[in-house]
Amino acid sequence: MPKRTNKSAVVPSSGNVFADLGVINAEEKQTKVRLAVAINQIIQGRKLSQAAAARRLKINQPKVSALSNYQLDGFSVERLMKFVTALDRDVDIVIRPKSRKIGRIAVTAA
């Protein structure tokens, strides 16, 4: 019986899973997810209920549920940044010369 070899091509990540999968608006999607991760971590860290978080963010509880489940189609990047500031965090936007062939957007939570 001949030997079978499993030769899977390993492709290094670009750092953006959405771009790697060919998703349209990959940079925006990644930015939204990173902002949502930060928001959810703050909410969990403060042990806020969804109702309490909704009051703080001035949205209804189902929207907090969508946010906590990363259903982000109904949220703009700007709105997510406003949620971060409503949770007593600063958002800094830094513009600098590009470090790659194309410019990129990066969100980093401290």
C-alpha atoms as a PDB file:
ATOM      1  CA  MET A   1       0.000   0.000   0.000  1.00  0.00           C
ATOM      2  CA  PRO A   2       1.517   3.361  -0.990  1.00  0.00           C
ATOM      3  CA  LYS A   3       2.206   5.921   1.682  1.00  0.00           C
ATOM      4  CA  ARG A   4      -0.159   8.849   1.748  1.00  0.00           C
ATOM      5  CA  THR A   5       1.239  12.171   2.647  1.00  0.00           C
ATOM      6  CA  ASN A   6      -0.788  14.971   4.091  1.00  0.00           C
ATOM      7  CA  LYS A   7       0.724  18.045   2.561  1.00  0.00           C
ATOM      8  CA  SER A   8      -1.247  21.009   3.755  1.00  0.00           C
ATOM      9  CA  ALA A   9      -0.059  24.370   2.641  1.00  0.00           C
ATOM     10  CA  VAL A  10       0.553  26.635   5.584  1.00  0.00           C
ATOM     11  CA  VAL A  11      -0.130  30.253   4.760  1.00  0.00           C
ATOM     12  CA  PRO A  12       1.059  32.895   7.184  1.00  0.00           C
ATOM     13  CA  SER A  13      -1.639  35.228   8.476  1.00  0.00           C
ATOM     14  CA  SER A  14      -1.769  38.838   7.395  1.00  0.00           C
ATOM     15  CA  GLY A  15      -2.828  39.724  10.952  1.00  0.00           C
ATOM     16  CA  ASN A  16      -6.425  40.220   9.840  1.00  0.00           C
ATOM     17  CA  VAL A  17      -8.464  37.027   9.669  1.00  0.00           C
ATOM     18  CA  PHE A  18     -11.177  38.808   7.687  1.00  0.00           C
ATOM     19  CA  ALA A  19      -8.673  39.820   4.986  1.00  0.00           C
ATOM     20  CA  ASP A  20      -7.238  36.299   4.982  1.00  0.00           C
ATOM     21  CA  LEU A  21     -10.733  34.958   4.286  1.00  0.00           C
ATOM     22  CA  GLY A  22     -11.360  37.518   1.552  1.00  0.00           C
ATOM     23  CA  VAL A  23     -14.158  39.295   3.419  1.00  0.00           C
ATOM     24  CA  ILE A  24     -15.254  42.655   2.019  1.00  0.00           C
ATOM     25  CA  ASN A  25     -14.399  45.605   4.311  1.00  0.00           C
ATOM     26  CA  ALA A  26     -11.986  43.431   6.273  1.00  0.00           C
ATOM     27  CA  GLU A  27     -10.239  46.355   8.007  1.00  0.00           C
ATOM     28  CA  GLU A  28     -13.550  47.775   9.246  1.00  0.00           C
ATOM     29  CA  LYS A  29     -14.742  44.371  10.469  1.00  0.00           C
ATOM     30  CA  GLN A  30     -11.521  43.782  12.384  1.00  0.00           C
ATOM     31  CA  THR A  31     -11.711  47.265  13.911  1.00  0.00           C
ATOM     32  CA  LYS A  32     -15.294  46.632  15.041  1.00  0.00           C
ATOM     33  CA  VAL A  33     -14.388  43.280  16.580  1.00  0.00           C
ATOM     34  CA  ARG A  34     -11.440  44.717  18.485  1.00  0.00           C
ATOM     35  CA  LEU A  35     -13.572  47.566  19.810  1.00  0.00           C
ATOM     36  CA  ALA A  36     -16.311  45.096  20.788  1.00  0.00           C
ATOM     37  CA  VAL A  37     -13.769  42.912  22.595  1.00  0.00           C
ATOM     38  CA  ALA A  38     -12.613  45.935  24.609  1.00  0.00           C
ATOM     39  CA  ILE A  39     -16.209  46.955  25.402  1.00  0.00           C
ATOM     40  CA  ASN A  40     -17.174  43.436  26.461  1.00  0.00           C
ATOM     41  CA  GLN A  41     -14.080  43.121  28.647  1.00  0.00           C
ATOM     42  CA  ILE A  42     -14.908  46.390  30.408  1.00  0.00           C
ATOM     43  CA  ILE A  43     -18.535  45.334  30.945  1.00  0.00           C
ATOM     44  CA  GLN A  44     -17.482  41.918  32.282  1.00  0.00           C
ATOM     45  CA  GLY A  45     -14.719  43.425  34.416  1.00  0.00           C
ATOM     46  CA  ARG A  46     -17.215  45.726  36.068  1.00  0.00           C
ATOM     47  CA  LYS A  47     -19.697  42.862  36.432  1.00  0.00           C
ATOM     48  CA  LEU A  48     -22.416  44.952  34.777  1.00  0.00           C
ATOM     49  CA  SER A  49     -25.644  43.242  33.818  1.00  0.00           C
ATOM     50  CA  GLN A  50     -26.824  43.758  30.265  1.00  0.00           C
ATOM     51  CA  ALA A  51     -29.537  46.079  31.589  1.00  0.00           C
ATOM     52  CA  ALA A  52     -26.987  48.170  33.507  1.00  0.00           C
ATOM     53  CA  ALA A  53     -24.654  48.262  30.494  1.00  0.00           C
ATOM     54  CA  ALA A  54     -27.572  49.325  28.291  1.00  0.00           C
ATOM     55  CA  ARG A  55     -28.322  52.265  30.585  1.00  0.00           C
ATOM     56  CA  ARG A  56     -24.656  53.268  30.597  1.00  0.00           C
ATOM     57  CA  LEU A  57     -24.386  53.039  26.802  1.00  0.00           C
ATOM     58  CA  LYS A  58     -27.830  54.609  26.227  1.00  0.00           C
ATOM     59  CA  ILE A  59     -29.046  51.666  24.143  1.00  0.00           C
ATOM     60  CA  ASN A  60     -31.562  48.912  24.795  1.00  0.00           C
ATOM     61  CA  GLN A  61     -30.669  45.541  26.315  1.00  0.00           C
ATOM     62  CA  PRO A  62     -31.103  43.555  23.057  1.00  0.00           C
ATOM     63  CA  LYS A  63     -28.388  45.725  21.491  1.00  0.00           C
ATOM     64  CA  VAL A  64     -26.066  44.932  24.414  1.00  0.00           C
ATOM     65  CA  SER A  65     -26.839  41.255  23.809  1.00  0.00           C
ATOM     66  CA  ALA A  66     -25.969  41.633  20.112  1.00  0.00           C
ATOM     67  CA  LEU A  67     -22.738  43.395  21.076  1.00  0.00           C
ATOM     68  CA  SER A  68     -21.807  40.679  23.567  1.00  0.00           C
ATOM     69  CA  ASN A  69     -22.400  38.060  20.854  1.00  0.00           C
ATOM     70  CA  TYR A  70     -20.318  40.040  18.324  1.00  0.00           C
ATOM     71  CA  GLN A  71     -23.266  40.640  16.015  1.00  0.00           C
ATOM     72  CA  LEU A  72     -21.844  43.960  14.904  1.00  0.00           C
ATOM     73  CA  ASP A  73     -23.580  44.747  11.610  1.00  0.00           C
ATOM     74  CA  GLY A  74     -25.831  47.327  13.307  1.00  0.00           C
ATOM     75  CA  PHE A  75     -22.904  49.203  14.877  1.00  0.00           C
ATOM     76  CA  SER A  76     -20.564  51.694  13.233  1.00  0.00           C
ATOM     77  CA  VAL A  77     -16.945  52.105  14.292  1.00  0.00           C
ATOM     78  CA  GLU A  78     -17.831  55.599  15.517  1.00  0.00           C
ATOM     79  CA  ARG A  79     -20.675  54.295  17.666  1.00  0.00           C
ATOM     80  CA  LEU A  80     -18.473  51.603  19.183  1.00  0.00           C
ATOM     81  CA  MET A  81     -15.855  54.242  20.022  1.00  0.00           C
ATOM     82  CA  LYS A  82     -18.574  56.285  21.756  1.00  0.00           C
ATOM     83  CA  PHE A  83     -19.442  53.198  23.820  1.00  0.00           C
ATOM     84  CA  VAL A  84     -15.793  52.939  24.884  1.00  0.00           C
ATOM     85  CA  THR A  85     -15.793  56.551  26.067  1.00  0.00           C
ATOM     86  CA  ALA A  86     -19.155  56.026  27.826  1.00  0.00           C
ATOM     87  CA  LEU A  87     -17.367  53.314  29.801  1.00  0.00           C
ATOM     88  CA  ASP A  88     -14.766  55.849  31.007  1.00  0.00           C
ATOM     89  CA  ARG A  89     -12.006  54.921  28.589  1.00  0.00           C
ATOM     90  CA  ASP A  90     -10.149  57.138  26.139  1.00  0.00           C
ATOM     91  CA  VAL A  91      -9.879  56.397  22.435  1.00  0.00           C
ATOM     92  CA  ASP A  92      -6.716  57.644  20.741  1.00  0.00           C
ATOM     93  CA  ILE A  93      -6.448  57.744  16.971  1.00  0.00           C
ATOM     94  CA  VAL A  94      -2.869  57.961  15.735  1.00  0.00           C
ATOM     95  CA  ILE A  95      -2.018  58.814  12.147  1.00  0.00           C
ATOM     96  CA  ARG A  96       1.505  58.026  10.941  1.00  0.00           C
ATOM     97  CA  PRO A  97       3.274  57.057   7.728  1.00  0.00           C
ATOM     98  CA  LYS A  98       2.246  53.613   6.548  1.00  0.00           C
ATOM     99  CA  SER A  99       4.449  50.685   7.496  1.00  0.00           C
ATOM    100  CA  ARG A 100       3.293  48.346   4.709  1.00  0.00           C
ATOM    101  CA  LYS A 101       2.464  48.571   1.028  1.00  0.00           C
ATOM    102  CA  ILE A 102      -1.040  49.655   1.913  1.00  0.00           C
ATOM    103  CA  GLY A 103      -2.258  51.669   4.881  1.00  0.00           C
ATOM    104  CA  ARG A 104      -4.006  49.842   7.716  1.00  0.00           C
ATOM    105  CA  ILE A 105      -6.264  50.487  10.663  1.00  0.00           C
ATOM    106  CA  ALA A 106      -5.282  49.017  14.016  1.00  0.00           C
ATOM    107  CA  VAL A 107      -7.115  48.989  17.344  1.00  0.00           C
ATOM    108  CA  THR A 108      -5.157  48.203  20.477  1.00  0.00           C
ATOM    109  CA  ALA A 109      -6.738  47.899  23.916  1.00  0.00           C
ATOM    110  CA  ALA A 110      -4.571  48.899  26.852  1.00  0.00           C
END
